[in-house]
C-alpha atoms as a PDB file:
ATOM      1  CA  UNK A   1     -12.485 102.777 131.000  1.00  0.00           C
ATOM      2  CA  UNK A   2      -9.127 101.667 129.650  1.00  0.00           C
ATOM      3  CA  UNK A   3      -7.214 103.289 126.804  1.00  0.00           C
ATOM      4  CA  UNK A   4      -7.761 100.130 124.754  1.00  0.00           C
ATOM      5  CA  UNK A   5     -11.548 100.387 125.264  1.00  0.00           C
ATOM      6  CA  UNK A   6     -11.488 104.075 124.250  1.00  0.00           C
ATOM      7  CA  UNK A   7      -9.568 103.299 121.052  1.00  0.00           C
ATOM      8  CA  UNK A   8     -12.019 100.502 120.237  1.00  0.00           C
ATOM      9  CA  UNK A   9     -14.984 102.866 120.750  1.00  0.00           C
ATOM     10  CA  UNK A  10     -13.333 105.517 118.551  1.00  0.00           C
ATOM     11  CA  UNK A  11     -12.804 102.913 115.816  1.00  0.00           C
ATOM     12  CA  UNK A  12     -16.458 101.779 116.023  1.00  0.00           C
ATOM     13  CA  UNK A  13     -17.587 105.429 115.844  1.00  0.00           C
ATOM     14  CA  UNK A  14     -15.372 106.133 112.804  1.00  0.00           C
ATOM     15  CA  UNK A  15     -16.702 103.041 111.009  1.00  0.00           C
ATOM     16  CA  UNK A  16     -20.251 104.174 111.773  1.00  0.00           C
ATOM     17  CA  UNK A  17     -19.576 107.680 110.403  1.00  0.00           C
ATOM     18  CA  UNK A  18     -18.197 106.188 107.182  1.00  0.00           C
ATOM     19  CA  UNK A  19     -20.987 103.619 106.724  1.00  0.00           C
ATOM     20  CA  UNK A  20     -23.812 106.101 107.380  1.00  0.00           C
ATOM     21  CA  UNK A  21     -22.048 109.126 105.802  1.00  0.00           C
ATOM     22  CA  UNK A  22     -22.535 110.851 109.159  1.00  0.00           C
ATOM     23  CA  UNK A  23     -20.825 114.243 109.428  1.00  0.00           C
ATOM     24  CA  UNK A  24     -19.689 115.940 112.612  1.00  0.00           C
ATOM     25  CA  UNK A  25     -19.512 114.681 116.155  1.00  0.00           C
ATOM     26  CA  UNK A  26     -21.776 111.958 117.473  1.00  0.00           C
ATOM     27  CA  UNK A  27     -24.121 113.411 120.082  1.00  0.00           C
ATOM     28  CA  UNK A  28     -26.878 111.603 121.932  1.00  0.00           C
ATOM     29  CA  UNK A  29     -30.028 113.702 121.464  1.00  0.00           C
ATOM     30  CA  UNK A  30     -32.208 111.675 123.812  1.00  0.00           C
ATOM     31  CA  UNK A  31     -32.959 108.119 124.852  1.00  0.00           C
ATOM     32  CA  UNK A  32     -35.996 106.144 123.779  1.00  0.00           C
ATOM     33  CA  UNK A  33     -37.333 102.692 124.484  1.00  0.00           C
ATOM     34  CA  UNK A  34     -38.305  99.982 122.019  1.00  0.00           C
ATOM     35  CA  UNK A  35     -42.015  99.257 122.568  1.00  0.00           C
ATOM     36  CA  UNK A  36     -42.316  96.166 124.815  1.00  0.00           C
ATOM     37  CA  UNK A  37     -45.293  95.054 122.674  1.00  0.00           C
ATOM     38  CA  UNK A  38     -43.351  95.098 119.391  1.00  0.00           C
ATOM     39  CA  UNK A  39     -42.234  92.021 117.481  1.00  0.00           C
ATOM     40  CA  UNK A  40     -38.531  91.361 117.969  1.00  0.00           C
ATOM     41  CA  UNK A  41     -36.525  91.493 114.748  1.00  0.00           C
ATOM     42  CA  UNK A  42     -32.983  90.622 113.824  1.00  0.00           C
ATOM     43  CA  UNK A  43     -30.942  93.522 112.521  1.00  0.00           C
ATOM     44  CA  UNK A  44     -30.132  93.915 108.868  1.00  0.00           C
ATOM     45  CA  UNK A  45     -27.605  95.825 106.773  1.00  0.00           C
ATOM     46  CA  UNK A  46     -28.167  99.209 108.401  1.00  0.00           C
ATOM     47  CA  UNK A  47     -30.900  98.282 110.864  1.00  0.00           C
ATOM     48  CA  UNK A  48     -30.463  97.583 114.555  1.00  0.00           C
ATOM     49  CA  UNK A  49     -31.995  94.401 115.956  1.00  0.00           C
ATOM     50  CA  UNK A  50     -35.236  95.170 117.805  1.00  0.00           C
ATOM     51  CA  UNK A  51     -35.319  93.964 121.401  1.00  0.00           C
ATOM     52  CA  UNK A  52     -38.439  94.592 123.458  1.00  0.00           C
ATOM     53  CA  UNK A  53     -37.979  97.225 126.155  1.00  0.00           C
ATOM     54  CA  UNK A  54     -34.397  98.037 125.124  1.00  0.00           C
ATOM     55  CA  UNK A  55     -33.260 101.609 125.815  1.00  0.00           C
ATOM     56  CA  UNK A  56     -31.503 103.159 122.807  1.00  0.00           C
ATOM     57  CA  UNK A  57     -29.475 106.357 122.404  1.00  0.00           C
ATOM     58  CA  UNK A  58     -31.011 108.533 119.682  1.00  0.00           C
ATOM     59  CA  UNK A  59     -28.280 109.960 117.434  1.00  0.00           C
ATOM     60  CA  UNK A  60     -30.441 111.482 114.698  1.00  0.00           C
ATOM     61  CA  UNK A  61     -34.111 111.775 113.762  1.00  0.00           C
ATOM     62  CA  UNK A  62     -33.533 110.781 110.127  1.00  0.00           C
ATOM     63  CA  UNK A  63     -37.103 111.152 108.826  1.00  0.00           C
ATOM     64  CA  UNK A  64     -40.712 110.409 109.892  1.00  0.00           C
ATOM     65  CA  UNK A  65     -40.161 106.688 109.431  1.00  0.00           C
ATOM     66  CA  UNK A  66     -36.815 105.934 111.041  1.00  0.00           C
ATOM     67  CA  UNK A  67     -34.404 107.046 113.738  1.00  0.00           C
ATOM     68  CA  UNK A  68     -30.647 106.518 113.801  1.00  0.00           C
ATOM     69  CA  UNK A  69     -29.821 104.904 117.150  1.00  0.00           C
ATOM     70  CA  UNK A  70     -27.029 103.271 119.134  1.00  0.00           C
ATOM     71  CA  UNK A  71     -27.602 100.301 121.421  1.00  0.00           C
ATOM     72  CA  UNK A  72     -25.832  99.219 124.608  1.00  0.00           C
ATOM     73  CA  UNK A  73     -23.327  97.138 122.575  1.00  0.00           C
ATOM     74  CA  UNK A  74     -22.347 100.383 120.803  1.00  0.00           C
ATOM     75  CA  UNK A  75     -23.860  99.179 117.540  1.00  0.00           C
ATOM     76  CA  UNK A  76     -25.445 101.777 115.290  1.00  0.00           C
ATOM     77  CA  UNK A  77     -28.390 101.465 112.963  1.00  0.00           C
ATOM     78  CA  UNK A  78     -31.834 102.553 111.965  1.00  0.00           C
ATOM     79  CA  UNK A  79     -34.912 101.754 114.022  1.00  0.00           C
ATOM     80  CA  UNK A  80     -38.497 102.303 112.827  1.00  0.00           C
ATOM     81  CA  UNK A  81     -39.918 105.370 114.586  1.00  0.00           C
ATOM     82  CA  UNK A  82     -43.251 103.536 114.992  1.00  0.00           C
ATOM     83  CA  UNK A  83     -41.792 101.122 117.588  1.00  0.00           C
ATOM     84  CA  UNK A  84     -40.036 103.781 119.694  1.00  0.00           C
ATOM     85  CA  UNK A  85     -41.462 105.216 122.900  1.00  0.00           C
ATOM     86  CA  UNK A  86     -40.250 108.347 124.721  1.00  0.00           C
ATOM     87  CA  UNK A  87     -38.830 107.670 128.185  1.00  0.00           C
END
């Protein structure tokens, strides 16, 4: 990983922390998979797009309804807990 890539990742992480008012360091709690049977959805303001079978990093279990996740493109957002499966 180049220095440029690291700086870009740090910038993305800082923007995420600001947008989601996320305090402290970003730690991956676990990984979960989007249910392959779910309906794919485009992302919205603070929601990640839903892609069947995608593996997401879980950053925070926000509440019973949604989980704060990061996808492979290093995008952050909420995902409905109902469509997530443990690995």
